[in-house]
């Protein structure tokens, strides 16, 4: 019979303190904007209220699909498509609650309220 002992993972990410988490906050670059997830549509798509007061259907790309879990009312960073830029976009980053509050205090979220 095989040894059914569980193996330890080779690498475990250390927990970040609040200061380290804020220091690593990714800011929007040119062509990117912030948005709040309003609704999960299924099939890796979300409805997002963006910082430019438009509502977009956003796709979670393959590299983020299994690594990042996105929920309703999360703050995300999106990049609109070149075609249909006012209706479609891709997710670039998901912010934690601490990072979202920091962005709100610093004035990056003018038209969006983080809940």
PDB file of N, CA and C in Angstrom:
ATOM      1  N   UNK A   1       0.828  -1.186   0.000  1.00  0.00           N
ATOM      2  CA  UNK A   1       0.000   0.000   0.000  1.00  0.00           C
ATOM      3  C   UNK A   1       0.877   1.257   0.000  1.00  0.00           C
ATOM      4  N   UNK A   2       0.461   2.239  -0.763  1.00  0.00           N
ATOM      5  CA  UNK A   2       1.238   3.475  -0.862  1.00  0.00           C
ATOM      6  C   UNK A   2       1.149   4.284   0.422  1.00  0.00           C
ATOM      7  N   UNK A   3       2.179   5.050   0.634  1.00  0.00           N
ATOM      8  CA  UNK A   3       2.185   5.967   1.766  1.00  0.00           C
ATOM      9  C   UNK A   3       1.270   7.146   1.423  1.00  0.00           C
ATOM     10  N   UNK A   4       0.204   7.337   2.161  1.00  0.00           N
ATOM     11  CA  UNK A   4      -0.784   8.369   1.854  1.00  0.00           C
ATOM     12  C   UNK A   4      -0.527   9.673   2.595  1.00  0.00           C
ATOM     13  N   UNK A   5       0.712   9.875   2.984  1.00  0.00           N
ATOM     14  CA  UNK A   5       1.065  11.095   3.683  1.00  0.00           C
ATOM     15  C   UNK A   5       0.985  12.283   2.735  1.00  0.00           C
ATOM     16  N   UNK A   6       0.470  13.384   3.219  1.00  0.00           N
ATOM     17  CA  UNK A   6       0.387  14.591   2.384  1.00  0.00           C
ATOM     18  C   UNK A   6       1.746  15.267   2.313  1.00  0.00           C
ATOM     19  N   UNK A   7       2.058  15.742   1.128  1.00  0.00           N
ATOM     20  CA  UNK A   7       3.314  16.462   0.945  1.00  0.00           C
ATOM     21  C   UNK A   7       3.113  17.927   1.232  1.00  0.00           C
ATOM     22  N   UNK A   8       4.163  18.543   1.742  1.00  0.00           N
ATOM     23  CA  UNK A   8       4.130  19.986   1.970  1.00  0.00           C
ATOM     24  C   UNK A   8       4.292  20.698   0.634  1.00  0.00           C
ATOM     25  N   UNK A   9       3.612  21.810   0.471  1.00  0.00           N
ATOM     26  CA  UNK A   9       3.848  22.578  -0.760  1.00  0.00           C
ATOM     27  C   UNK A   9       5.283  23.098  -0.783  1.00  0.00           C
ATOM     28  N   UNK A  10       5.852  23.176  -1.966  1.00  0.00           N
ATOM     29  CA  UNK A  10       7.239  23.618  -2.076  1.00  0.00           C
ATOM     30  C   UNK A  10       7.408  25.093  -1.727  1.00  0.00           C
ATOM     31  N   UNK A  11       6.408  25.883  -2.095  1.00  0.00           N
ATOM     32  CA  UNK A  11       6.520  27.322  -1.862  1.00  0.00           C
ATOM     33  C   UNK A  11       5.210  27.831  -1.282  1.00  0.00           C
ATOM     34  N   UNK A  12       5.311  28.562  -0.202  1.00  0.00           N
ATOM     35  CA  UNK A  12       4.138  29.167   0.388  1.00  0.00           C
ATOM     36  C   UNK A  12       4.388  30.661   0.509  1.00  0.00           C
ATOM     37  N   UNK A  13       3.468  31.449  -0.043  1.00  0.00           N
ATOM     38  CA  UNK A  13       3.633  32.899   0.006  1.00  0.00           C
ATOM     39  C   UNK A  13       3.473  33.412   1.423  1.00  0.00           C
ATOM     40  N   UNK A  14       4.393  34.252   1.857  1.00  0.00           N
ATOM     41  CA  UNK A  14       4.243  34.831   3.190  1.00  0.00           C
ATOM     42  C   UNK A  14       3.121  35.872   3.199  1.00  0.00           C
ATOM     43  N   UNK A  15       2.438  36.002   4.312  1.00  0.00           N
ATOM     44  CA  UNK A  15       1.392  37.015   4.454  1.00  0.00           C
ATOM     45  C   UNK A  15       2.037  38.394   4.509  1.00  0.00           C
ATOM     46  N   UNK A  16       1.429  39.338   3.817  1.00  0.00           N
ATOM     47  CA  UNK A  16       1.941  40.703   3.808  1.00  0.00           C
ATOM     48  C   UNK A  16       1.287  41.514   4.904  1.00  0.00           C
ATOM     49  N   UNK A  17       2.049  42.421   5.479  1.00  0.00           N
ATOM     50  CA  UNK A  17       1.457  43.345   6.440  1.00  0.00           C
ATOM     51  C   UNK A  17       0.704  44.415   5.657  1.00  0.00           C
ATOM     52  N   UNK A  18      -0.085  45.214   6.358  1.00  0.00           N
ATOM     53  CA  UNK A  18      -0.881  46.254   5.694  1.00  0.00           C
ATOM     54  C   UNK A  18       0.008  47.253   4.967  1.00  0.00           C
ATOM     55  N   UNK A  19       1.144  47.617   5.559  1.00  0.00           N
ATOM     56  CA  UNK A  19       2.051  48.585   4.929  1.00  0.00           C
ATOM     57  C   UNK A  19       2.679  48.005   3.660  1.00  0.00           C
ATOM     58  N   UNK A  20       3.063  46.718   3.707  1.00  0.00           N
ATOM     59  CA  UNK A  20       3.644  46.083   2.527  1.00  0.00           C
ATOM     60  C   UNK A  20       2.613  45.947   1.416  1.00  0.00           C
ATOM     61  N   UNK A  21       1.381  45.653   1.794  1.00  0.00           N
ATOM     62  CA  UNK A  21       0.315  45.497   0.811  1.00  0.00           C
ATOM     63  C   UNK A  21       0.037  46.812   0.098  1.00  0.00           C
ATOM     64  N   UNK A  22       0.028  47.913   0.838  1.00  0.00           N
ATOM     65  CA  UNK A  22      -0.217  49.226   0.242  1.00  0.00           C
ATOM     66  C   UNK A  22       0.966  49.637  -0.632  1.00  0.00           C
ATOM     67  N   UNK A  23       2.177  49.304  -0.213  1.00  0.00           N
ATOM     68  CA  UNK A  23       3.363  49.654  -0.999  1.00  0.00           C
ATOM     69  C   UNK A  23       3.360  48.945  -2.342  1.00  0.00           C
ATOM     70  N   UNK A  24       2.718  47.790  -2.437  1.00  0.00           N
ATOM     71  CA  UNK A  24       2.673  47.023  -3.681  1.00  0.00           C
ATOM     72  C   UNK A  24       1.420  47.314  -4.503  1.00  0.00           C
ATOM     73  N   UNK A  25       0.671  48.318  -4.160  1.00  0.00           N
ATOM     74  CA  UNK A  25      -0.566  48.629  -4.874  1.00  0.00           C
ATOM     75  C   UNK A  25      -0.255  49.073  -6.299  1.00  0.00           C
ATOM     76  N   UNK A  26      -0.912  48.445  -7.250  1.00  0.00           N
ATOM     77  CA  UNK A  26      -0.713  48.766  -8.668  1.00  0.00           C
ATOM     78  C   UNK A  26      -1.623  49.917  -9.050  1.00  0.00           C
ATOM     79  N   UNK A  27      -1.049  50.961  -9.598  1.00  0.00           N
ATOM     80  CA  UNK A  27      -1.813  52.134 -10.011  1.00  0.00           C
ATOM     81  C   UNK A  27      -2.181  52.011 -11.490  1.00  0.00           C
ATOM     82  N   UNK A  28      -3.296  52.645 -11.907  1.00  0.00           N
ATOM     83  CA  UNK A  28      -3.696  52.580 -13.319  1.00  0.00           C
ATOM     84  C   UNK A  28      -2.681  53.269 -14.223  1.00  0.00           C
ATOM     85  N   UNK A  29      -2.344  52.597 -15.319  1.00  0.00           N
ATOM     86  CA  UNK A  29      -1.460  53.173 -16.328  1.00  0.00           C
ATOM     87  C   UNK A  29      -2.322  53.751 -17.440  1.00  0.00           C
ATOM     88  N   UNK A  30      -1.683  54.284 -18.467  1.00  0.00           N
ATOM     89  CA  UNK A  30      -2.429  54.870 -19.579  1.00  0.00           C
ATOM     90  C   UNK A  30      -3.250  53.790 -20.287  1.00  0.00           C
ATOM     91  N   UNK A  31      -4.518  54.082 -20.512  1.00  0.00           N
ATOM     92  CA  UNK A  31      -5.398  53.137 -21.175  1.00  0.00           C
ATOM     93  C   UNK A  31      -6.107  52.194 -20.216  1.00  0.00           C
ATOM     94  N   UNK A  32      -5.828  52.288 -18.915  1.00  0.00           N
ATOM     95  CA  UNK A  32      -6.472  51.442 -17.910  1.00  0.00           C
ATOM     96  C   UNK A  32      -7.363  52.302 -17.027  1.00  0.00           C
ATOM     97  N   UNK A  33      -8.374  51.676 -16.415  1.00  0.00           N
ATOM     98  CA  UNK A  33      -9.267  52.400 -15.511  1.00  0.00           C
ATOM     99  C   UNK A  33      -9.766  51.473 -14.421  1.00  0.00           C
ATOM    100  N   UNK A  34     -10.311  52.070 -13.385  1.00  0.00           N
ATOM    101  CA  UNK A  34     -10.830  51.319 -12.249  1.00  0.00           C
ATOM    102  C   UNK A  34     -12.316  51.057 -12.423  1.00  0.00           C
ATOM    103  N   UNK A  35     -12.796  49.982 -11.799  1.00  0.00           N
ATOM    104  CA  UNK A  35     -14.212  49.665 -11.850  1.00  0.00           C
ATOM    105  C   UNK A  35     -14.617  48.772 -10.696  1.00  0.00           C
ATOM    106  N   UNK A  36     -15.926  48.777 -10.398  1.00  0.00           N
ATOM    107  CA  UNK A  36     -16.499  47.940  -9.342  1.00  0.00           C
ATOM    108  C   UNK A  36     -17.345  46.850 -10.003  1.00  0.00           C
ATOM    109  N   UNK A  37     -17.150  45.610  -9.567  1.00  0.00           N
ATOM    110  CA  UNK A  37     -17.922  44.487 -10.115  1.00  0.00           C
ATOM    111  C   UNK A  37     -19.356  44.586  -9.603  1.00  0.00           C
ATOM    112  N   UNK A  38     -20.319  44.637 -10.520  1.00  0.00           N
ATOM    113  CA  UNK A  38     -21.740  44.707 -10.162  1.00  0.00           C
ATOM    114  C   UNK A  38     -22.412  43.348 -10.200  1.00  0.00           C
ATOM    115  N   UNK A  39     -22.024  42.513 -11.179  1.00  0.00           N
ATOM    116  CA  UNK A  39     -22.730  41.259 -11.391  1.00  0.00           C
ATOM    117  C   UNK A  39     -21.805  40.238 -12.034  1.00  0.00           C
ATOM    118  N   UNK A  40     -21.892  38.995 -11.558  1.00  0.00           N
ATOM    119  CA  UNK A  40     -21.161  37.892 -12.179  1.00  0.00           C
ATOM    120  C   UNK A  40     -22.077  37.303 -13.248  1.00  0.00           C
ATOM    121  N   UNK A  41     -21.638  37.292 -14.498  1.00  0.00           N
ATOM    122  CA  UNK A  41     -22.481  36.837 -15.591  1.00  0.00           C
ATOM    123  C   UNK A  41     -22.232  35.380 -15.955  1.00  0.00           C
ATOM    124  N   UNK A  42     -21.205  34.771 -15.433  1.00  0.00           N
ATOM    125  CA  UNK A  42     -20.884  33.400 -15.786  1.00  0.00           C
ATOM    126  C   UNK A  42     -19.979  33.355 -16.995  1.00  0.00           C
ATOM    127  N   UNK A  43     -19.363  32.206 -17.234  1.00  0.00           N
ATOM    128  CA  UNK A  43     -18.468  32.017 -18.370  1.00  0.00           C
ATOM    129  C   UNK A  43     -17.335  33.054 -18.354  1.00  0.00           C
ATOM    130  N   UNK A  44     -16.805  33.340 -17.169  1.00  0.00           N
ATOM    131  CA  UNK A  44     -15.668  34.257 -16.981  1.00  0.00           C
ATOM    132  C   UNK A  44     -15.960  35.683 -17.443  1.00  0.00           C
ATOM    133  N   UNK A  45     -17.202  36.104 -17.304  1.00  0.00           N
ATOM    134  CA  UNK A  45     -17.574  37.474 -17.656  1.00  0.00           C
ATOM    135  C   UNK A  45     -18.222  38.161 -16.456  1.00  0.00           C
ATOM    136  N   UNK A  46     -18.036  39.478 -16.379  1.00  0.00           N
ATOM    137  CA  UNK A  46     -18.550  40.289 -15.280  1.00  0.00           C
ATOM    138  C   UNK A  46     -19.183  41.547 -15.845  1.00  0.00           C
ATOM    139  N   UNK A  47     -20.129  42.125 -15.113  1.00  0.00           N
ATOM    140  CA  UNK A  47     -20.634  43.461 -15.449  1.00  0.00           C
ATOM    141  C   UNK A  47     -19.998  44.417 -14.444  1.00  0.00           C
ATOM    142  N   UNK A  48     -19.352  45.457 -14.971  1.00  0.00           N
ATOM    143  CA  UNK A  48     -18.553  46.364 -14.146  1.00  0.00           C
ATOM    144  C   UNK A  48     -19.001  47.802 -14.366  1.00  0.00           C
ATOM    145  N   UNK A  49     -19.126  48.555 -13.268  1.00  0.00           N
ATOM    146  CA  UNK A  49     -19.367  49.997 -13.335  1.00  0.00           C
ATOM    147  C   UNK A  49     -18.004  50.677 -13.305  1.00  0.00           C
ATOM    148  N   UNK A  50     -17.636  51.357 -14.377  1.00  0.00           N
ATOM    149  CA  UNK A  50     -16.291  51.910 -14.541  1.00  0.00           C
ATOM    150  C   UNK A  50     -16.201  53.339 -14.025  1.00  0.00           C
ATOM    151  N   UNK A  51     -14.969  53.817 -13.873  1.00  0.00           N
ATOM    152  CA  UNK A  51     -14.739  55.151 -13.341  1.00  0.00           C
ATOM    153  C   UNK A  51     -15.148  56.254 -14.321  1.00  0.00           C
ATOM    154  N   UNK A  52     -15.371  55.932 -15.604  1.00  0.00           N
ATOM    155  CA  UNK A  52     -15.834  56.931 -16.568  1.00  0.00           C
ATOM    156  C   UNK A  52     -17.358  56.917 -16.713  1.00  0.00           C
ATOM    157  N   UNK A  53     -18.060  56.369 -15.709  1.00  0.00           N
ATOM    158  CA  UNK A  53     -19.525  56.297 -15.644  1.00  0.00           C
ATOM    159  C   UNK A  53     -20.139  55.458 -16.761  1.00  0.00           C
ATOM    160  N   UNK A  54     -19.410  54.494 -17.286  1.00  0.00           N
ATOM    161  CA  UNK A  54     -19.951  53.564 -18.276  1.00  0.00           C
ATOM    162  C   UNK A  54     -19.993  52.176 -17.655  1.00  0.00           C
ATOM    163  N   UNK A  55     -20.930  51.385 -18.136  1.00  0.00           N
ATOM    164  CA  UNK A  55     -21.051  50.002 -17.686  1.00  0.00           C
ATOM    165  C   UNK A  55     -20.495  49.111 -18.783  1.00  0.00           C
ATOM    166  N   UNK A  56     -19.565  48.236 -18.434  1.00  0.00           N
ATOM    167  CA  UNK A  56     -18.924  47.375 -19.423  1.00  0.00           C
ATOM    168  C   UNK A  56     -19.068  45.903 -19.049  1.00  0.00           C
ATOM    169  N   UNK A  57     -19.043  45.057 -20.070  1.00  0.00           N
ATOM    170  CA  UNK A  57     -18.931  43.612 -19.884  1.00  0.00           C
ATOM    171  C   UNK A  57     -17.437  43.317 -19.925  1.00  0.00           C
ATOM    172  N   UNK A  58     -16.925  42.704 -18.857  1.00  0.00           N
ATOM    173  CA  UNK A  58     -15.491  42.507 -18.708  1.00  0.00           C
ATOM    174  C   UNK A  58     -15.190  41.015 -18.713  1.00  0.00           C
ATOM    175  N   UNK A  59     -14.129  40.648 -19.392  1.00  0.00           N
ATOM    176  CA  UNK A  59     -13.703  39.254 -19.495  1.00  0.00           C
ATOM    177  C   UNK A  59     -12.500  39.030 -18.587  1.00  0.00           C
ATOM    178  N   UNK A  60     -12.459  37.873 -17.909  1.00  0.00           N
ATOM    179  CA  UNK A  60     -11.297  37.504 -17.115  1.00  0.00           C
ATOM    180  C   UNK A  60     -10.381  36.698 -18.025  1.00  0.00           C
ATOM    181  N   UNK A  61      -9.185  37.206 -18.336  1.00  0.00           N
ATOM    182  CA  UNK A  61      -8.304  36.480 -19.247  1.00  0.00           C
ATOM    183  C   UNK A  61      -7.784  35.181 -18.611  1.00  0.00           C
ATOM    184  N   UNK A  62      -7.290  34.278 -19.444  1.00  0.00           N
ATOM    185  CA  UNK A  62      -6.865  32.955 -19.003  1.00  0.00           C
ATOM    186  C   UNK A  62      -5.807  32.960 -17.923  1.00  0.00           C
ATOM    187  N   UNK A  63      -4.863  33.906 -17.970  1.00  0.00           N
ATOM    188  CA  UNK A  63      -3.786  33.899 -16.981  1.00  0.00           C
ATOM    189  C   UNK A  63      -4.281  34.260 -15.572  1.00  0.00           C
ATOM    190  N   UNK A  64      -5.440  34.925 -15.467  1.00  0.00           N
ATOM    191  CA  UNK A  64      -5.998  35.278 -14.163  1.00  0.00           C
ATOM    192  C   UNK A  64      -7.133  34.364 -13.735  1.00  0.00           C
ATOM    193  N   UNK A  65      -7.660  33.573 -14.650  1.00  0.00           N
ATOM    194  CA  UNK A  65      -8.884  32.823 -14.423  1.00  0.00           C
ATOM    195  C   UNK A  65      -8.833  31.931 -13.186  1.00  0.00           C
ATOM    196  N   UNK A  66      -7.787  31.157 -13.015  1.00  0.00           N
ATOM    197  CA  UNK A  66      -7.696  30.234 -11.883  1.00  0.00           C
ATOM    198  C   UNK A  66      -6.927  30.819 -10.699  1.00  0.00           C
ATOM    199  N   UNK A  67      -6.199  31.900 -10.912  1.00  0.00           N
ATOM    200  CA  UNK A  67      -5.348  32.451  -9.864  1.00  0.00           C
ATOM    201  C   UNK A  67      -6.016  33.532  -9.031  1.00  0.00           C
ATOM    202  N   UNK A  68      -6.943  34.258  -9.619  1.00  0.00           N
ATOM    203  CA  UNK A  68      -7.569  35.388  -8.935  1.00  0.00           C
ATOM    204  C   UNK A  68      -9.066  35.132  -8.844  1.00  0.00           C
ATOM    205  N   UNK A  69      -9.601  35.169  -7.653  1.00  0.00           N
ATOM    206  CA  UNK A  69     -11.034  34.980  -7.453  1.00  0.00           C
ATOM    207  C   UNK A  69     -11.685  36.341  -7.282  1.00  0.00           C
ATOM    208  N   UNK A  70     -12.587  36.664  -8.187  1.00  0.00           N
ATOM    209  CA  UNK A  70     -13.235  37.973  -8.185  1.00  0.00           C
ATOM    210  C   UNK A  70     -14.677  37.796  -7.742  1.00  0.00           C
ATOM    211  N   UNK A  71     -15.129  38.690  -6.840  1.00  0.00           N
ATOM    212  CA  UNK A  71     -16.486  38.634  -6.302  1.00  0.00           C
ATOM    213  C   UNK A  71     -17.197  39.956  -6.582  1.00  0.00           C
ATOM    214  N   UNK A  72     -18.502  39.959  -6.367  1.00  0.00           N
ATOM    215  CA  UNK A  72     -19.295  41.184  -6.531  1.00  0.00           C
ATOM    216  C   UNK A  72     -18.796  42.206  -5.520  1.00  0.00           C
ATOM    217  N   UNK A  73     -18.731  43.455  -5.915  1.00  0.00           N
ATOM    218  CA  UNK A  73     -18.288  44.630  -5.148  1.00  0.00           C
ATOM    219  C   UNK A  73     -16.767  44.709  -4.982  1.00  0.00           C
ATOM    220  N   UNK A  74     -16.003  43.892  -5.709  1.00  0.00           N
ATOM    221  CA  UNK A  74     -14.544  44.022  -5.703  1.00  0.00           C
ATOM    222  C   UNK A  74     -14.130  45.182  -6.606  1.00  0.00           C
ATOM    223  N   UNK A  75     -13.055  45.839  -6.235  1.00  0.00           N
ATOM    224  CA  UNK A  75     -12.461  46.877  -7.069  1.00  0.00           C
ATOM    225  C   UNK A  75     -11.448  46.212  -7.987  1.00  0.00           C
ATOM    226  N   UNK A  76     -11.586  46.454  -9.296  1.00  0.00           N
ATOM    227  CA  UNK A  76     -10.670  45.853 -10.258  1.00  0.00           C
ATOM    228  C   UNK A  76     -10.116  46.920 -11.197  1.00  0.00           C
ATOM    229  N   UNK A  77      -9.011  46.588 -11.809  1.00  0.00           N
ATOM    230  CA  UNK A  77      -8.389  47.431 -12.820  1.00  0.00           C
ATOM    231  C   UNK A  77      -8.671  46.781 -14.165  1.00  0.00           C
ATOM    232  N   UNK A  78      -9.193  47.563 -15.109  1.00  0.00           N
ATOM    233  CA  UNK A  78      -9.563  47.008 -16.412  1.00  0.00           C
ATOM    234  C   UNK A  78      -8.875  47.766 -17.540  1.00  0.00           C
ATOM    235  N   UNK A  79      -8.779  47.098 -18.677  1.00  0.00           N
ATOM    236  CA  UNK A  79      -8.245  47.719 -19.894  1.00  0.00           C
ATOM    237  C   UNK A  79      -9.274  47.535 -20.997  1.00  0.00           C
ATOM    238  N   UNK A  80      -9.896  48.623 -21.455  1.00  0.00           N
ATOM    239  CA  UNK A  80     -10.905  48.519 -22.528  1.00  0.00           C
ATOM    240  C   UNK A  80     -10.296  47.984 -23.816  1.00  0.00           C
ATOM    241  N   UNK A  81     -11.112  47.259 -24.577  1.00  0.00           N
ATOM    242  CA  UNK A  81     -10.683  46.737 -25.874  1.00  0.00           C
ATOM    243  C   UNK A  81     -10.509  47.887 -26.853  1.00  0.00           C
ATOM    244  N   UNK A  82      -9.725  47.663 -27.891  1.00  0.00           N
ATOM    245  CA  UNK A  82      -9.570  48.687 -28.939  1.00  0.00           C
ATOM    246  C   UNK A  82     -10.853  48.808 -29.754  1.00  0.00           C
ATOM    247  N   UNK A  83     -11.519  47.672 -29.996  1.00  0.00           N
ATOM    248  CA  UNK A  83     -12.809  47.648 -30.680  1.00  0.00           C
ATOM    249  C   UNK A  83     -13.878  47.588 -29.595  1.00  0.00           C
ATOM    250  N   UNK A  84     -14.958  48.316 -29.726  1.00  0.00           N
ATOM    251  CA  UNK A  84     -16.042  48.363 -28.724  1.00  0.00           C
ATOM    252  C   UNK A  84     -15.511  48.785 -27.355  1.00  0.00           C
ATOM    253  N   UNK A  85     -14.658  49.796 -27.319  1.00  0.00           N
ATOM    254  CA  UNK A  85     -14.005  50.211 -26.076  1.00  0.00           C
ATOM    255  C   UNK A  85     -14.985  50.749 -25.034  1.00  0.00           C
ATOM    256  N   UNK A  86     -16.167  51.201 -25.466  1.00  0.00           N
ATOM    257  CA  UNK A  86     -17.131  51.719 -24.494  1.00  0.00           C
ATOM    258  C   UNK A  86     -18.052  50.624 -23.951  1.00  0.00           C
ATOM    259  N   UNK A  87     -17.898  49.362 -24.441  1.00  0.00           N
ATOM    260  CA  UNK A  87     -18.765  48.276 -23.962  1.00  0.00           C
ATOM    261  C   UNK A  87     -18.015  47.054 -23.445  1.00  0.00           C
ATOM    262  N   UNK A  88     -16.775  46.838 -23.863  1.00  0.00           N
ATOM    263  CA  UNK A  88     -16.029  45.627 -23.499  1.00  0.00           C
ATOM    264  C   UNK A  88     -14.652  45.972 -22.942  1.00  0.00           C
ATOM    265  N   UNK A  89     -14.140  45.066 -22.064  1.00  0.00           N
ATOM    266  CA  UNK A  89     -12.819  45.268 -21.474  1.00  0.00           C
ATOM    267  C   UNK A  89     -12.292  43.948 -20.929  1.00  0.00           C
ATOM    268  N   UNK A  90     -11.029  43.945 -20.519  1.00  0.00           N
ATOM    269  CA  UNK A  90     -10.388  42.800 -19.883  1.00  0.00           C
ATOM    270  C   UNK A  90      -9.949  43.188 -18.478  1.00  0.00           C
ATOM    271  N   UNK A  91      -9.975  42.225 -17.560  1.00  0.00           N
ATOM    272  CA  UNK A  91      -9.483  42.448 -16.195  1.00  0.00           C
ATOM    273  C   UNK A  91      -7.964  42.404 -16.229  1.00  0.00           C
ATOM    274  N   UNK A  92      -7.334  43.368 -15.550  1.00  0.00           N
ATOM    275  CA  UNK A  92      -5.884  43.412 -15.448  1.00  0.00           C
ATOM    276  C   UNK A  92      -5.444  43.055 -14.025  1.00  0.00           C
ATOM    277  N   UNK A  93      -6.195  43.535 -13.021  1.00  0.00           N
ATOM    278  CA  UNK A  93      -5.779  43.388 -11.629  1.00  0.00           C
ATOM    279  C   UNK A  93      -6.991  43.428 -10.713  1.00  0.00           C
ATOM    280  N   UNK A  94      -6.946  42.724  -9.586  1.00  0.00           N
ATOM    281  CA  UNK A  94      -7.975  42.818  -8.549  1.00  0.00           C
ATOM    282  C   UNK A  94      -7.316  43.363  -7.293  1.00  0.00           C
ATOM    283  N   UNK A  95      -7.942  44.393  -6.706  1.00  0.00           N
ATOM    284  CA  UNK A  95      -7.415  45.011  -5.488  1.00  0.00           C
ATOM    285  C   UNK A  95      -8.016  44.354  -4.254  1.00  0.00           C
ATOM    286  N   UNK A  96      -7.218  44.305  -3.186  1.00  0.00           N
ATOM    287  CA  UNK A  96      -7.735  43.837  -1.899  1.00  0.00           C
ATOM    288  C   UNK A  96      -8.518  44.979  -1.257  1.00  0.00           C
ATOM    289  N   UNK A  97      -9.238  44.692  -0.184  1.00  0.00           N
ATOM    290  CA  UNK A  97     -10.006  45.734   0.518  1.00  0.00           C
ATOM    291  C   UNK A  97      -9.093  46.847   1.038  1.00  0.00           C
ATOM    292  N   UNK A  98      -7.938  46.466   1.587  1.00  0.00           N
ATOM    293  CA  UNK A  98      -6.985  47.454   2.108  1.00  0.00           C
ATOM    294  C   UNK A  98      -6.499  48.367   0.998  1.00  0.00           C
ATOM    295  N   UNK A  99      -6.146  47.790  -0.143  1.00  0.00           N
ATOM    296  CA  UNK A  99      -5.674  48.584  -1.273  1.00  0.00           C
ATOM    297  C   UNK A  99      -6.781  49.488  -1.806  1.00  0.00           C
ATOM    298  N   UNK A 100      -8.025  48.990  -1.835  1.00  0.00           N
ATOM    299  CA  UNK A 100      -9.154  49.789  -2.324  1.00  0.00           C
ATOM    300  C   UNK A 100      -9.398  50.999  -1.426  1.00  0.00           C
ATOM    301  N   UNK A 101      -9.339  50.790  -0.113  1.00  0.00           N
ATOM    302  CA  UNK A 101      -9.518  51.921   0.813  1.00  0.00           C
ATOM    303  C   UNK A 101      -8.399  52.942   0.663  1.00  0.00           C
ATOM    304  N   UNK A 102      -7.168  52.458   0.452  1.00  0.00           N
ATOM    305  CA  UNK A 102      -6.035  53.361   0.264  1.00  0.00           C
ATOM    306  C   UNK A 102      -6.215  54.188  -1.007  1.00  0.00           C
ATOM    307  N   UNK A 103      -6.638  53.541  -2.103  1.00  0.00           N
ATOM    308  CA  UNK A 103      -6.883  54.259  -3.361  1.00  0.00           C
ATOM    309  C   UNK A 103      -7.977  55.307  -3.200  1.00  0.00           C
ATOM    310  N   UNK A 104      -9.002  54.980  -2.404  1.00  0.00           N
ATOM    311  CA  UNK A 104     -10.091  55.933  -2.172  1.00  0.00           C
ATOM    312  C   UNK A 104      -9.594  57.134  -1.365  1.00  0.00           C
ATOM    313  N   UNK A 105      -8.782  56.890  -0.346  1.00  0.00           N
ATOM    314  CA  UNK A 105      -8.230  57.988   0.464  1.00  0.00           C
ATOM    315  C   UNK A 105      -7.323  58.892  -0.352  1.00  0.00           C
ATOM    316  N   UNK A 106      -6.581  58.315  -1.307  1.00  0.00           N
ATOM    317  CA  UNK A 106      -5.650  59.091  -2.124  1.00  0.00           C
ATOM    318  C   UNK A 106      -6.324  59.797  -3.292  1.00  0.00           C
ATOM    319  N   UNK A 107      -7.630  59.557  -3.507  1.00  0.00           N
ATOM    320  CA  UNK A 107      -8.364  60.296  -4.540  1.00  0.00           C
ATOM    321  C   UNK A 107      -8.378  59.658  -5.910  1.00  0.00           C
ATOM    322  N   UNK A 108      -8.010  58.402  -6.025  1.00  0.00           N
ATOM    323  CA  UNK A 108      -8.051  57.734  -7.324  1.00  0.00           C
ATOM    324  C   UNK A 108      -9.459  57.324  -7.714  1.00  0.00           C
ATOM    325  N   UNK A 109     -10.367  57.216  -6.737  1.00  0.00           N
ATOM    326  CA  UNK A 109     -11.743  56.775  -6.997  1.00  0.00           C
ATOM    327  C   UNK A 109     -12.691  57.969  -6.863  1.00  0.00           C
ATOM    328  N   UNK A 110     -12.772  58.770  -7.887  1.00  0.00           N
ATOM    329  CA  UNK A 110     -13.607  59.970  -7.814  1.00  0.00           C
ATOM    330  C   UNK A 110     -15.077  59.632  -8.047  1.00  0.00           C
ATOM    331  N   UNK A 111     -15.378  58.845  -9.063  1.00  0.00           N
ATOM    332  CA  UNK A 111     -16.766  58.556  -9.436  1.00  0.00           C
ATOM    333  C   UNK A 111     -17.262  57.221  -8.900  1.00  0.00           C
ATOM    334  N   UNK A 112     -16.438  56.513  -8.140  1.00  0.00           N
ATOM    335  CA  UNK A 112     -16.785  55.173  -7.682  1.00  0.00           C
ATOM    336  C   UNK A 112     -16.806  55.148  -6.162  1.00  0.00           C
ATOM    337  N   UNK A 113     -17.800  54.451  -5.590  1.00  0.00           N
ATOM    338  CA  UNK A 113     -17.813  54.264  -4.138  1.00  0.00           C
ATOM    339  C   UNK A 113     -17.508  52.814  -3.830  1.00  0.00           C
ATOM    340  N   UNK A 114     -16.487  52.582  -3.018  1.00  0.00           N
ATOM    341  CA  UNK A 114     -16.084  51.235  -2.639  1.00  0.00           C
ATOM    342  C   UNK A 114     -16.913  50.797  -1.456  1.00  0.00           C
ATOM    343  N   UNK A 115     -17.548  49.620  -1.573  1.00  0.00           N
ATOM    344  CA  UNK A 115     -18.442  49.152  -0.525  1.00  0.00           C
ATOM    345  C   UNK A 115     -17.912  48.162   0.350  1.00  0.00           C
TER     346      UNK A 115
END
